[in-house]
PDB file of N, CA and C in Angstrom:
ATOM      1  N   MET A   1      59.524 208.991 169.609  1.00  0.00           N
ATOM      2  CA  MET A   1      60.425 210.080 169.943  1.00  0.00           C
ATOM      3  C   MET A   1      61.425 209.570 170.986  1.00  0.00           C
ATOM      4  N   LEU A   2      62.689 209.837 170.701  1.00  0.00           N
ATOM      5  CA  LEU A   2      63.755 209.368 171.577  1.00  0.00           C
ATOM      6  C   LEU A   2      64.622 210.529 172.046  1.00  0.00           C
ATOM      7  N   ARG A   3      65.199 210.373 173.210  1.00  0.00           N
ATOM      8  CA  ARG A   3      66.154 211.351 173.723  1.00  0.00           C
ATOM      9  C   ARG A   3      67.409 211.344 172.848  1.00  0.00           C
ATOM     10  N   THR A   4      68.170 212.414 172.916  1.00  0.00           N
ATOM     11  CA  THR A   4      69.380 212.555 172.114  1.00  0.00           C
ATOM     12  C   THR A   4      70.312 211.363 172.309  1.00  0.00           C
ATOM     13  N   SER A   5      70.508 210.961 173.543  1.00  0.00           N
ATOM     14  CA  SER A   5      71.434 209.854 173.838  1.00  0.00           C
ATOM     15  C   SER A   5      70.982 208.539 173.220  1.00  0.00           C
ATOM     16  N   GLN A   6      69.691 208.383 173.003  1.00  0.00           N
ATOM     17  CA  GLN A   6      69.165 207.166 172.375  1.00  0.00           C
ATOM     18  C   GLN A   6      69.127 207.299 170.851  1.00  0.00           C
ATOM     19  N   ALA A   7      68.776 208.482 170.369  1.00  0.00           N
ATOM     20  CA  ALA A   7      68.585 208.691 168.935  1.00  0.00           C
ATOM     21  C   ALA A   7      69.899 208.714 168.160  1.00  0.00           C
ATOM     22  N   ALA A   8      70.913 209.378 168.694  1.00  0.00           N
ATOM     23  CA  ALA A   8      72.171 209.562 167.965  1.00  0.00           C
ATOM     24  C   ALA A   8      72.804 208.244 167.518  1.00  0.00           C
ATOM     25  N   PRO A   9      72.961 207.240 168.393  1.00  0.00           N
ATOM     26  CA  PRO A   9      73.577 205.998 167.925  1.00  0.00           C
ATOM     27  C   PRO A   9      72.711 205.245 166.901  1.00  0.00           C
ATOM     28  N   ILE A  10      71.417 205.382 166.996  1.00  0.00           N
ATOM     29  CA  ILE A  10      70.534 204.725 166.027  1.00  0.00           C
ATOM     30  C   ILE A  10      70.715 205.362 164.650  1.00  0.00           C
ATOM     31  N   ILE A  11      70.858 206.693 164.629  1.00  0.00           N
ATOM     32  CA  ILE A  11      71.049 207.423 163.378  1.00  0.00           C
ATOM     33  C   ILE A  11      72.474 207.221 162.860  1.00  0.00           C
ATOM     34  N   GLY A  12      73.404 206.970 163.774  1.00  0.00           N
ATOM     35  CA  GLY A  12      74.787 206.718 163.394  1.00  0.00           C
ATOM     36  C   GLY A  12      75.683 207.949 163.437  1.00  0.00           C
ATOM     37  N   ILE A  13      75.324 208.914 164.268  1.00  0.00           N
ATOM     38  CA  ILE A  13      76.138 210.117 164.439  1.00  0.00           C
ATOM     39  C   ILE A  13      76.277 210.411 165.928  1.00  0.00           C
ATOM     40  N   SER A  14      77.182 211.318 166.259  1.00  0.00           N
ATOM     41  CA  SER A  14      77.376 211.661 167.671  1.00  0.00           C
ATOM     42  C   SER A  14      76.232 212.559 168.156  1.00  0.00           C
ATOM     43  N   GLN A  15      76.073 212.609 169.462  1.00  0.00           N
ATOM     44  CA  GLN A  15      75.059 213.472 170.054  1.00  0.00           C
ATOM     45  C   GLN A  15      75.333 214.932 169.710  1.00  0.00           C
ATOM     46  N   GLY A  16      76.593 215.324 169.757  1.00  0.00           N
ATOM     47  CA  GLY A  16      76.959 216.704 169.439  1.00  0.00           C
ATOM     48  C   GLY A  16      76.626 217.066 168.001  1.00  0.00           C
ATOM     49  N   HIS A  17      76.938 216.152 167.074  1.00  0.00           N
ATOM     50  CA  HIS A  17      76.644 216.428 165.664  1.00  0.00           C
ATOM     51  C   HIS A  17      75.136 216.520 165.444  1.00  0.00           C
ATOM     52  N   LEU A  18      74.381 215.649 166.080  1.00  0.00           N
ATOM     53  CA  LEU A  18      72.926 215.685 165.952  1.00  0.00           C
ATOM     54  C   LEU A  18      72.388 217.030 166.426  1.00  0.00           C
ATOM     55  N   LYS A  19      72.854 217.502 167.556  1.00  0.00           N
ATOM     56  CA  LYS A  19      72.390 218.790 168.084  1.00  0.00           C
ATOM     57  C   LYS A  19      72.812 219.953 167.184  1.00  0.00           C
ATOM     58  N   ARG A  20      73.993 219.857 166.559  1.00  0.00           N
ATOM     59  CA  ARG A  20      74.446 220.918 165.654  1.00  0.00           C
ATOM     60  C   ARG A  20      73.603 220.996 164.383  1.00  0.00           C
ATOM     61  N   GLN A  21      72.824 219.960 164.098  1.00  0.00           N
ATOM     62  CA  GLN A  21      71.978 219.946 162.907  1.00  0.00           C
ATOM     63  C   GLN A  21      70.621 220.615 163.137  1.00  0.00           C
ATOM     64  N   MET A  22      70.369 221.100 164.348  1.00  0.00           N
ATOM     65  CA  MET A  22      69.115 221.783 164.671  1.00  0.00           C
ATOM     66  C   MET A  22      69.039 223.117 163.931  1.00  0.00           C
ATOM     67  N   ASP A  23      67.846 223.504 163.491  1.00  0.00           N
ATOM     68  CA  ASP A  23      67.665 224.759 162.757  1.00  0.00           C
ATOM     69  C   ASP A  23      68.119 225.966 163.564  1.00  0.00           C
ATOM     70  N   CYS A  24      67.951 225.951 164.859  1.00  0.00           N
ATOM     71  CA  CYS A  24      68.364 227.080 165.698  1.00  0.00           C
ATOM     72  C   CYS A  24      69.885 227.211 165.760  1.00  0.00           C
ATOM     73  N   LYS A  25      70.593 226.192 165.282  1.00  0.00           N
ATOM     74  CA  LYS A  25      72.060 226.236 165.231  1.00  0.00           C
ATOM     75  C   LYS A  25      72.553 226.252 163.784  1.00  0.00           C
ATOM     76  N   GLY A  26      71.644 226.548 162.857  1.00  0.00           N
ATOM     77  CA  GLY A  26      72.015 226.666 161.452  1.00  0.00           C
ATOM     78  C   GLY A  26      71.905 225.389 160.641  1.00  0.00           C
ATOM     79  N   GLY A  27      71.380 224.337 161.230  1.00  0.00           N
ATOM     80  CA  GLY A  27      71.266 223.058 160.538  1.00  0.00           C
ATOM     81  C   GLY A  27      69.926 222.877 159.849  1.00  0.00           C
ATOM     82  N   PRO A  28      69.750 221.753 159.182  1.00  0.00           N
ATOM     83  CA  PRO A  28      68.536 221.503 158.410  1.00  0.00           C
ATOM     84  C   PRO A  28      67.366 220.904 159.192  1.00  0.00           C
ATOM     85  N   LEU A  29      67.602 220.451 160.413  1.00  0.00           N
ATOM     86  CA  LEU A  29      66.540 219.776 161.167  1.00  0.00           C
ATOM     87  C   LEU A  29      65.661 220.799 161.869  1.00  0.00           C
ATOM     88  N   ARG A  30      64.352 220.691 161.636  1.00  0.00           N
ATOM     89  CA  ARG A  30      63.410 221.707 162.091  1.00  0.00           C
ATOM     90  C   ARG A  30      62.654 221.285 163.346  1.00  0.00           C
ATOM     91  N   ALA A  31      62.518 222.251 164.251  1.00  0.00           N
ATOM     92  CA  ALA A  31      61.758 222.045 165.483  1.00  0.00           C
ATOM     93  C   ALA A  31      60.313 221.730 165.129  1.00  0.00           C
ATOM     94  N   GLY A  32      59.740 220.793 165.845  1.00  0.00           N
ATOM     95  CA  GLY A  32      58.352 220.408 165.621  1.00  0.00           C
ATOM     96  C   GLY A  32      58.187 219.342 164.553  1.00  0.00           C
ATOM     97  N   ILE A  33      59.223 219.147 163.740  1.00  0.00           N
ATOM     98  CA  ILE A  33      59.184 218.107 162.702  1.00  0.00           C
ATOM     99  C   ILE A  33      60.200 217.015 163.027  1.00  0.00           C
ATOM    100  N   HIS A  34      61.437 217.426 163.208  1.00  0.00           N
ATOM    101  CA  HIS A  34      62.509 216.464 163.465  1.00  0.00           C
ATOM    102  C   HIS A  34      62.806 216.295 164.948  1.00  0.00           C
ATOM    103  N   TYR A  35      62.508 217.311 165.712  1.00  0.00           N
ATOM    104  CA  TYR A  35      62.762 217.241 167.154  1.00  0.00           C
ATOM    105  C   TYR A  35      61.764 218.124 167.898  1.00  0.00           C
ATOM    106  N   GLN A  36      61.646 217.854 169.193  1.00  0.00           N
ATOM    107  CA  GLN A  36      60.801 218.661 170.069  1.00  0.00           C
ATOM    108  C   GLN A  36      61.602 219.048 171.303  1.00  0.00           C
ATOM    109  N   LEU A  37      61.503 220.312 171.653  1.00  0.00           N
ATOM    110  CA  LEU A  37      62.122 220.784 172.882  1.00  0.00           C
ATOM    111  C   LEU A  37      61.130 220.638 174.025  1.00  0.00           C
ATOM    112  N   GLY A  38      61.650 220.435 175.219  1.00  0.00           N
ATOM    113  CA  GLY A  38      60.794 220.361 176.385  1.00  0.00           C
ATOM    114  C   GLY A  38      60.473 221.741 176.915  1.00  0.00           C
ATOM    115  N   PRO A  39      59.668 221.812 177.963  1.00  0.00           N
ATOM    116  CA  PRO A  39      59.227 223.105 178.496  1.00  0.00           C
ATOM    117  C   PRO A  39      60.305 223.881 179.239  1.00  0.00           C
ATOM    118  N   HIS A  40      61.399 223.211 179.600  1.00  0.00           N
ATOM    119  CA  HIS A  40      62.457 223.867 180.361  1.00  0.00           C
ATOM    120  C   HIS A  40      63.790 223.750 179.624  1.00  0.00           C
ATOM    121  N   LYS A  41      64.711 224.642 179.948  1.00  0.00           N
ATOM    122  CA  LYS A  41      66.010 224.649 179.276  1.00  0.00           C
ATOM    123  C   LYS A  41      66.746 223.318 179.437  1.00  0.00           C
ATOM    124  N   ASN A  42      66.581 222.665 180.555  1.00  0.00           N
ATOM    125  CA  ASN A  42      67.278 221.397 180.792  1.00  0.00           C
ATOM    126  C   ASN A  42      66.407 220.174 180.499  1.00  0.00           C
ATOM    127  N   SER A  43      65.252 220.365 179.872  1.00  0.00           N
ATOM    128  CA  SER A  43      64.420 219.230 179.462  1.00  0.00           C
ATOM    129  C   SER A  43      65.110 218.518 178.305  1.00  0.00           C
ATOM    130  N   PRO A  44      64.933 217.207 178.192  1.00  0.00           N
ATOM    131  CA  PRO A  44      65.573 216.494 177.084  1.00  0.00           C
ATOM    132  C   PRO A  44      64.970 216.901 175.735  1.00  0.00           C
ATOM    133  N   ILE A  45      65.807 216.876 174.710  1.00  0.00           N
ATOM    134  CA  ILE A  45      65.328 217.056 173.342  1.00  0.00           C
ATOM    135  C   ILE A  45      64.863 215.684 172.875  1.00  0.00           C
ATOM    136  N   LEU A  46      63.697 215.632 172.279  1.00  0.00           N
ATOM    137  CA  LEU A  46      63.157 214.376 171.768  1.00  0.00           C
ATOM    138  C   LEU A  46      63.214 214.396 170.247  1.00  0.00           C
ATOM    139  N   TRP A  47      63.707 213.313 169.657  1.00  0.00           N
ATOM    140  CA  TRP A  47      63.960 213.236 168.223  1.00  0.00           C
ATOM    141  C   TRP A  47      63.057 212.216 167.546  1.00  0.00           C
ATOM    142  N   ASP A  48      62.553 212.580 166.371  1.00  0.00           N
ATOM    143  CA  ASP A  48      61.827 211.653 165.514  1.00  0.00           C
ATOM    144  C   ASP A  48      62.876 211.030 164.587  1.00  0.00           C
ATOM    145  N   VAL A  49      63.376 209.878 164.958  1.00  0.00           N
ATOM    146  CA  VAL A  49      64.483 209.239 164.253  1.00  0.00           C
ATOM    147  C   VAL A  49      64.158 209.019 162.778  1.00  0.00           C
ATOM    148  N   ASP A  50      62.966 208.567 162.467  1.00  0.00           N
ATOM    149  CA  ASP A  50      62.600 208.331 161.065  1.00  0.00           C
ATOM    150  C   ASP A  50      62.606 209.628 160.258  1.00  0.00           C
ATOM    151  N   ALA A  51      62.090 210.704 160.837  1.00  0.00           N
ATOM    152  CA  ALA A  51      62.070 211.999 160.139  1.00  0.00           C
ATOM    153  C   ALA A  51      63.489 212.529 159.935  1.00  0.00           C
ATOM    154  N   VAL A  52      64.361 212.331 160.916  1.00  0.00           N
ATOM    155  CA  VAL A  52      65.757 212.773 160.786  1.00  0.00           C
ATOM    156  C   VAL A  52      66.444 211.975 159.686  1.00  0.00           C
ATOM    157  N   ARG A  53      66.262 210.657 159.686  1.00  0.00           N
ATOM    158  CA  ARG A  53      66.857 209.814 158.636  1.00  0.00           C
ATOM    159  C   ARG A  53      66.354 210.239 157.262  1.00  0.00           C
ATOM    160  N   ASP A  54      65.061 210.485 157.150  1.00  0.00           N
ATOM    161  CA  ASP A  54      64.482 210.913 155.869  1.00  0.00           C
ATOM    162  C   ASP A  54      65.106 212.228 155.396  1.00  0.00           C
ATOM    163  N   GLU A  55      65.310 213.168 156.302  1.00  0.00           N
ATOM    164  CA  GLU A  55      65.896 214.454 155.932  1.00  0.00           C
ATOM    165  C   GLU A  55      67.352 214.288 155.513  1.00  0.00           C
ATOM    166  N   PHE A  56      68.115 213.499 156.243  1.00  0.00           N
ATOM    167  CA  PHE A  56      69.507 213.264 155.861  1.00  0.00           C
ATOM    168  C   PHE A  56      69.577 212.564 154.502  1.00  0.00           C
ATOM    169  N   HIS A  57      68.661 211.634 154.251  1.00  0.00           N
ATOM    170  CA  HIS A  57      68.616 210.955 152.958  1.00  0.00           C
ATOM    171  C   HIS A  57      68.294 211.963 151.851  1.00  0.00           C
ATOM    172  N   ARG A  58      67.317 212.820 152.073  1.00  0.00           N
ATOM    173  CA  ARG A  58      66.936 213.830 151.085  1.00  0.00           C
ATOM    174  C   ARG A  58      68.115 214.737 150.763  1.00  0.00           C
ATOM    175  N   LEU A  59      68.825 215.185 151.796  1.00  0.00           N
ATOM    176  CA  LEU A  59      69.977 216.056 151.592  1.00  0.00           C
ATOM    177  C   LEU A  59      71.107 215.322 150.861  1.00  0.00           C
ATOM    178  N   GLY A  60      71.305 214.060 151.184  1.00  0.00           N
ATOM    179  CA  GLY A  60      72.320 213.263 150.496  1.00  0.00           C
ATOM    180  C   GLY A  60      71.999 213.098 149.025  1.00  0.00           C
ATOM    181  N   MET A  61      70.721 212.864 148.705  1.00  0.00           N
ATOM    182  CA  MET A  61      70.308 212.734 147.310  1.00  0.00           C
ATOM    183  C   MET A  61      70.492 214.053 146.567  1.00  0.00           C
ATOM    184  N   LEU A  62      70.163 215.169 147.200  1.00  0.00           N
ATOM    185  CA  LEU A  62      70.368 216.482 146.576  1.00  0.00           C
ATOM    186  C   LEU A  62      71.846 216.714 146.274  1.00  0.00           C
ATOM    187  N   SER A  63      72.700 216.364 147.205  1.00  0.00           N
ATOM    188  CA  SER A  63      74.139 216.544 147.023  1.00  0.00           C
ATOM    189  C   SER A  63      74.652 215.699 145.870  1.00  0.00           C
ATOM    190  N   ARG A  64      74.219 214.453 145.802  1.00  0.00           N
ATOM    191  CA  ARG A  64      74.658 213.571 144.725  1.00  0.00           C
ATOM    192  C   ARG A  64      74.143 214.043 143.366  1.00  0.00           C
ATOM    193  N   THR A  65      72.912 214.531 143.323  1.00  0.00           N
ATOM    194  CA  THR A  65      72.351 215.059 142.081  1.00  0.00           C
ATOM    195  C   THR A  65      73.127 216.291 141.627  1.00  0.00           C
ATOM    196  N   ALA A  66      73.428 217.178 142.558  1.00  0.00           N
ATOM    197  CA  ALA A  66      74.203 218.375 142.227  1.00  0.00           C
ATOM    198  C   ALA A  66      75.587 217.998 141.711  1.00  0.00           C
ATOM    199  N   ASP A  67      76.245 217.031 142.360  1.00  0.00           N
ATOM    200  CA  ASP A  67      77.556 216.586 141.911  1.00  0.00           C
ATOM    201  C   ASP A  67      77.501 216.022 140.491  1.00  0.00           C
ATOM    202  N   ALA A  68      76.455 215.239 140.201  1.00  0.00           N
ATOM    203  CA  ALA A  68      76.310 214.650 138.871  1.00  0.00           C
ATOM    204  C   ALA A  68      76.107 215.736 137.817  1.00  0.00           C
ATOM    205  N   ILE A  69      75.327 216.743 138.133  1.00  0.00           N
ATOM    206  CA  ILE A  69      75.084 217.840 137.195  1.00  0.00           C
ATOM    207  C   ILE A  69      76.386 218.603 136.931  1.00  0.00           C
ATOM    208  N   ILE A  70      77.121 218.903 137.981  1.00  0.00           N
ATOM    209  CA  ILE A  70      78.379 219.632 137.839  1.00  0.00           C
ATOM    210  C   ILE A  70      79.365 218.824 136.998  1.00  0.00           C
ATOM    211  N   THR A  71      79.446 217.531 137.269  1.00  0.00           N
ATOM    212  CA  THR A  71      80.358 216.666 136.517  1.00  0.00           C
ATOM    213  C   THR A  71      79.973 216.626 135.038  1.00  0.00           C
ATOM    214  N   SER A  72      78.665 216.547 134.756  1.00  0.00           N
ATOM    215  CA  SER A  72      78.234 216.465 133.357  1.00  0.00           C
ATOM    216  C   SER A  72      78.479 217.789 132.624  1.00  0.00           C
ATOM    217  N   VAL A  73      78.335 218.909 133.314  1.00  0.00           N
ATOM    218  CA  VAL A  73      78.576 220.217 132.689  1.00  0.00           C
ATOM    219  C   VAL A  73      80.072 220.415 132.448  1.00  0.00           C
ATOM    220  N   GLN A  74      80.903 219.985 133.392  1.00  0.00           N
ATOM    221  CA  GLN A  74      82.351 220.123 133.243  1.00  0.00           C
ATOM    222  C   GLN A  74      82.893 219.217 132.131  1.00  0.00           C
ATOM    223  N   GLY A  75      82.217 218.088 131.912  1.00  0.00           N
ATOM    224  CA  GLY A  75      82.651 217.141 130.885  1.00  0.00           C
ATOM    225  C   GLY A  75      82.229 217.545 129.487  1.00  0.00           C
ATOM    226  N   SER A  76      81.381 218.550 129.378  1.00  0.00           N
ATOM    227  CA  SER A  76      80.863 218.972 128.059  1.00  0.00           C
ATOM    228  C   SER A  76      81.869 219.789 127.293  1.00  0.00           C
TER     229      SER A  76
END
């Protein structure tokens, strides 16, 4: 588990974008799976970098599959 400032560059996105992906902000990353909040409002958020990468990969594959389906239906 890494702090936001450490996790974001490893994942390849900005700290702000990473935080915007949290479920409490409407994103796909879920508390307790992809990140953990500390006991206080100013505690660092800790990220499971591998779980975040896996989720982004899953979402990317879903998007590509959907695009392929749409393209094949439009070409029919």
